[in-house]
Protein backbone atom coordinates (compact mmCIF):
# COMPACT_ATOMS: atom_id res chain seq x y z
CA MET A 1 -24.14 1.61 -5.64
CA THR A 2 -22.50 -1.75 -4.14
CA ASN A 3 -21.19 -4.14 -6.37
CA PRO A 4 -21.62 -7.84 -6.11
CA ALA A 5 -19.58 -9.31 -3.53
CA PRO A 6 -16.18 -11.56 -4.86
CA THR A 7 -16.78 -14.37 -3.45
CA SER A 8 -14.18 -17.28 -2.37
CA GLY A 9 -15.84 -20.55 -0.72
CA GLY A 10 -18.98 -18.94 -0.83
CA ARG A 11 -18.39 -15.97 1.71
CA ALA A 12 -16.81 -12.44 0.72
CA ARG A 13 -13.17 -12.59 -0.56
CA ARG A 14 -11.28 -10.98 2.41
CA ALA A 15 -8.34 -8.39 2.17
CA LEU A 16 -5.54 -7.51 4.87
CA VAL A 17 -5.11 -3.53 4.19
CA THR A 18 -2.12 -1.59 6.40
CA GLY A 19 -2.43 2.03 6.88
CA VAL A 20 -6.34 1.90 7.17
CA SER A 21 -6.63 5.14 9.36
CA SER A 22 -6.10 7.63 7.12
CA GLY A 23 -4.99 9.08 3.64
CA ILE A 24 -4.85 6.24 0.86
CA GLY A 25 -4.92 2.98 3.08
CA GLU A 26 -8.07 4.32 4.29
CA ALA A 27 -9.64 5.51 0.64
CA ILE A 28 -8.69 1.72 -0.28
CA ALA A 29 -10.42 -0.07 2.61
CA GLY A 30 -13.35 1.97 1.98
CA HIS A 31 -13.70 1.20 -1.81
CA LEU A 32 -13.43 -2.43 -1.35
CA LEU A 33 -15.61 -2.93 1.00
CA ASP A 34 -18.11 -0.67 -1.37
CA GLN A 35 -17.38 -3.95 -3.71
CA GLY A 36 -18.34 -6.79 -1.29
CA TRP A 37 -14.78 -7.39 0.14
CA GLN A 38 -14.36 -7.82 3.54
CA VAL A 39 -11.46 -6.02 4.96
CA VAL A 40 -9.01 -6.56 8.12
CA GLY A 41 -7.46 -3.21 8.55
CA PHE A 42 -3.94 -2.93 10.46
CA SER A 43 -3.00 0.90 12.09
CA ARG A 44 -2.37 2.07 15.05
CA ARG A 45 -5.51 4.07 15.15
CA ALA A 46 -9.16 3.16 14.22
CA PRO A 47 -10.42 4.48 10.96
CA ALA A 48 -12.93 7.25 10.93
CA PHE A 49 -15.57 5.07 9.99
CA ALA A 50 -17.11 1.59 10.88
CA HIS A 51 -18.41 -0.93 8.38
CA GLU A 52 -19.52 -4.65 9.25
CA ARG A 53 -17.29 -6.28 6.66
CA LEU A 54 -14.41 -4.39 8.56
CA ARG A 55 -12.24 -5.74 11.11
CA HIS A 56 -9.66 -3.71 12.50
CA VAL A 57 -6.57 -4.31 14.30
CA PRO A 58 -4.80 -1.93 16.10
CA VAL A 59 -0.66 -2.80 15.32
CA ASP A 60 2.24 -0.41 15.72
CA LEU A 61 3.84 -1.89 12.47
CA PHE A 62 7.03 -0.52 13.31
CA ASP A 63 7.15 -3.02 16.10
CA ARG A 64 8.17 -6.19 14.23
CA ALA A 65 6.91 -8.66 17.03
CA ALA A 66 3.83 -6.92 17.59
CA LEU A 67 2.95 -7.01 13.53
CA GLY A 68 3.95 -10.83 13.56
CA GLU A 69 1.65 -11.77 16.25
CA ALA A 70 -1.56 -9.89 14.48
CA LEU A 71 -0.23 -11.49 10.86
CA ALA A 72 -0.34 -15.04 13.15
CA ARG A 73 -4.09 -14.33 14.12
CA ILE A 74 -5.78 -13.08 11.38
CA GLU A 75 -8.13 -15.26 9.44
CA PRO A 76 -7.11 -16.54 5.90
CA VAL A 77 -6.80 -13.23 3.12
CA GLU A 78 -6.81 -13.52 -0.88
CA ALA A 79 -5.36 -10.34 -0.78
CA ILE A 80 -2.78 -8.20 0.80
CA VAL A 81 -2.33 -4.62 0.37
CA HIS A 82 0.34 -2.49 2.09
CA ALA A 83 -0.53 1.27 1.81
CA ALA A 84 0.95 2.32 5.07
CA GLY A 85 3.62 5.04 4.50
CA MET A 86 5.41 7.98 5.72
CA LEU A 87 7.38 11.16 4.23
CA ARG A 88 11.04 12.84 6.19
CA VAL A 89 12.59 14.73 3.98
CA GLY A 90 16.25 16.30 3.76
CA MET A 91 19.12 17.51 1.90
CA VAL A 92 22.24 15.74 0.90
CA GLY A 93 24.60 17.53 4.29
CA GLY A 94 21.22 17.45 6.41
CA LEU A 95 19.64 13.84 6.32
CA ASP A 96 18.61 12.04 9.56
CA PRO A 97 19.59 8.06 9.41
CA GLU A 98 17.04 7.83 11.95
CA ASN A 99 14.64 8.48 9.37
CA GLY A 100 15.86 6.66 6.43
CA ARG A 101 15.31 3.69 9.30
CA ALA A 102 11.73 4.75 9.98
CA MET A 103 11.06 4.63 6.26
CA TRP A 104 12.95 1.85 5.50
CA ARG A 105 11.48 -0.54 8.22
CA LEU A 106 7.94 0.71 7.40
CA HIS A 107 7.65 0.70 3.69
CA VAL A 108 10.15 -1.91 2.74
CA ASP A 109 10.89 -3.86 5.98
CA ALA A 110 7.08 -4.28 6.91
CA ALA A 111 6.10 -5.34 3.45
CA GLU A 112 8.54 -8.08 3.44
CA GLN A 113 7.57 -9.26 6.79
CA ILE A 114 4.13 -9.41 5.89
CA VAL A 115 4.12 -11.25 2.87
CA GLU A 116 7.09 -13.99 4.27
CA ALA A 117 4.12 -14.54 6.62
CA LEU A 118 1.18 -14.83 4.87
CA ALA A 119 2.39 -16.54 1.49
CA SER A 120 2.30 -20.11 2.19
CA ARG A 121 -1.28 -19.21 3.71
CA LEU A 122 -2.33 -17.26 0.29
CA PRO A 123 -4.39 -19.49 -2.29
CA ASP A 124 -3.73 -19.93 -5.60
CA GLY A 125 -4.59 -16.76 -7.94
CA ALA A 126 -4.33 -14.26 -4.94
CA ARG A 127 -3.13 -10.63 -5.13
CA ILE A 128 -0.41 -8.65 -3.81
CA VAL A 129 -0.34 -4.66 -4.15
CA LEU A 130 2.25 -2.53 -2.33
CA ILE A 131 1.91 1.20 -2.61
CA GLY A 132 4.74 3.04 -3.74
CA SER A 133 5.41 6.41 -4.72
CA ARG A 134 6.52 8.20 -8.23
CA THR A 135 9.66 9.07 -6.29
CA ALA A 136 11.32 5.86 -6.59
CA ALA A 137 12.69 7.70 -9.77
CA GLY A 138 14.51 9.90 -7.57
CA SER A 139 13.72 13.61 -6.21
CA ALA A 140 15.15 16.63 -4.81
CA GLY A 141 14.79 16.33 -0.93
CA ARG A 142 13.79 12.90 -0.89
CA ALA A 143 16.38 10.88 -1.05
CA GLN A 144 15.76 8.22 1.86
CA TYR A 145 11.93 8.07 1.06
CA ALA A 146 12.69 7.55 -2.86
CA ALA A 147 15.51 4.77 -1.62
CA THR A 148 12.62 2.56 0.40
CA LYS A 149 10.26 3.03 -2.52
CA ALA A 150 12.66 2.13 -5.44
CA ALA A 151 13.68 -0.96 -2.95
CA LEU A 152 9.96 -1.49 -2.87
CA VAL A 153 9.69 -2.17 -6.66
CA GLY A 154 13.06 -4.51 -6.95
CA MET A 155 11.43 -6.63 -4.01
CA ALA A 156 7.81 -6.72 -5.64
CA ARG A 157 9.29 -7.78 -8.68
CA SER A 158 11.48 -10.66 -7.33
CA PHE A 159 8.32 -11.71 -5.19
CA ALA A 160 6.10 -11.70 -8.56
CA ILE A 161 8.61 -14.04 -10.47
CA GLU A 162 8.57 -16.57 -7.26
CA LEU A 163 4.62 -16.66 -6.82
CA ALA A 164 3.82 -16.59 -10.55
CA PRO A 165 3.87 -20.43 -10.83
CA ARG A 166 0.65 -20.10 -8.42
CA ARG A 167 -0.96 -17.41 -10.19
CA ILE A 168 -0.30 -14.78 -7.48
CA ALA A 169 -0.03 -11.55 -8.82
CA VAL A 170 2.39 -8.81 -7.16
CA ASN A 171 2.17 -5.43 -8.33
CA VAL A 172 3.26 -1.80 -7.03
CA VAL A 173 0.72 1.30 -7.16
CA ALA A 174 2.99 3.80 -7.76
CA PRO A 175 1.29 7.62 -6.87
CA GLY A 176 2.73 11.09 -7.77
CA ALA A 177 1.61 13.94 -4.97
CA THR A 178 -1.64 12.72 -3.62
CA ASP A 179 -4.04 14.72 -1.39
CA THR A 180 -3.48 12.94 1.85
CA PRO A 181 -2.87 14.04 5.43
CA MET A 182 0.40 12.83 4.56
CA LEU A 183 1.38 15.59 2.13
CA LYS A 184 0.62 18.07 4.63
CA ASP A 185 2.58 16.76 7.04
CA PRO A 186 5.00 19.49 9.07
CA GLU A 187 8.04 17.43 8.58
CA ARG A 188 8.05 18.22 5.03
CA ALA A 189 7.24 21.73 4.80
CA ALA A 190 10.84 22.26 3.67
CA VAL A 191 10.32 20.23 0.04
CA ALA A 192 6.49 21.81 -1.08
CA PRO A 193 4.85 19.30 -3.57
CA LYS A 194 4.91 20.55 -7.20
CA LEU A 195 1.33 20.83 -8.91
CA PRO A 196 1.28 18.07 -11.49
CA PRO A 197 0.57 19.30 -15.14
CA MET A 198 -3.13 18.42 -14.96
CA GLY A 199 -3.53 21.15 -12.26
CA ARG A 200 -4.58 19.22 -9.27
CA LEU A 201 -3.57 16.65 -6.79
CA VAL A 202 -3.81 12.94 -7.39
CA ARG A 203 -6.97 11.89 -5.41
CA PRO A 204 -6.91 8.86 -2.91
CA GLU A 205 -9.69 7.46 -4.43
CA GLU A 206 -8.19 7.17 -7.79
CA VAL A 207 -5.58 5.06 -6.15
CA ALA A 208 -7.91 3.09 -4.24
CA ALA A 209 -9.70 2.35 -7.48
CA LEU A 210 -6.63 1.11 -9.40
CA THR A 211 -5.54 -1.10 -6.72
CA ALA A 212 -8.86 -2.26 -6.49
CA PHE A 213 -8.69 -3.55 -10.51
CA LEU A 214 -5.61 -5.14 -9.70
CA LEU A 215 -7.33 -7.30 -7.37
CA SER A 216 -10.10 -8.02 -10.06
CA GLY A 217 -10.36 -11.03 -12.17
CA PRO A 218 -9.62 -9.23 -15.43
CA ALA A 219 -6.13 -8.11 -14.00
CA GLY A 220 -4.74 -11.86 -13.13
CA SER A 221 -2.30 -11.28 -16.29
CA ILE A 222 -1.05 -8.21 -14.66
CA THR A 223 2.22 -9.12 -12.37
CA GLY A 224 5.58 -7.39 -11.22
CA GLN A 225 4.83 -4.24 -12.98
CA GLN A 226 5.10 -0.80 -11.47
CA ILE A 227 1.88 1.38 -12.33
CA VAL A 228 2.41 5.05 -12.22
CA ILE A 229 -0.58 7.19 -11.41
CA CYS A 230 0.73 11.55 -11.24
CA GLY A 231 -1.49 13.69 -13.40
CA GLY A 232 1.01 14.01 -15.94
CA ALA A 233 4.23 14.66 -13.40
CA SER A 234 5.86 11.79 -14.83
CA LEU A 235 5.87 13.60 -18.56
């Protein structure tokens, strides 16, 4: 059953969600639409579903100029969710600097560009959620990936301090191994995911539900936090 639409000024509240074509971003977009939000979705490919309150904007987040143009054209939003991500693995002695640069651009630099472009246009009380990773604490074969996700936490906490006077909450949702296409990417075949103690992978819809809660009214005092969802893998 669809929940009553959250409203702002008489219209459904609008969220910008990146990475809506698959995985966690797609799950978040679908969950917010079910809750009555309008969603502006950024991704290179269109999502596999259509919805009257979803507007897909085709954009390559690796292209700074293209992302800047897309951000300049979107409607006002009350929430930002940066869910686009990629994983490239490698052990010390065999690291590819291009992989490191690509992950930094997508995870950290794109998030910075989005917040920098939209922060002044966000209403007081808006929300920002960045999708991080439990791997930010470190993991063999994932040094470059972990570095970008750790940087995301420091950046989010800094944004949270600066934006707190406007009651804009900024948080990181950090999933463990999640059942998404990224987990099956051949590029990570050398470093297989470990099954969490609960005996199954995290589900994208669980990450989506936590993200949606952080965008809700009752989560208004949660800011500057990294919330890990990992099926017990951190224990």
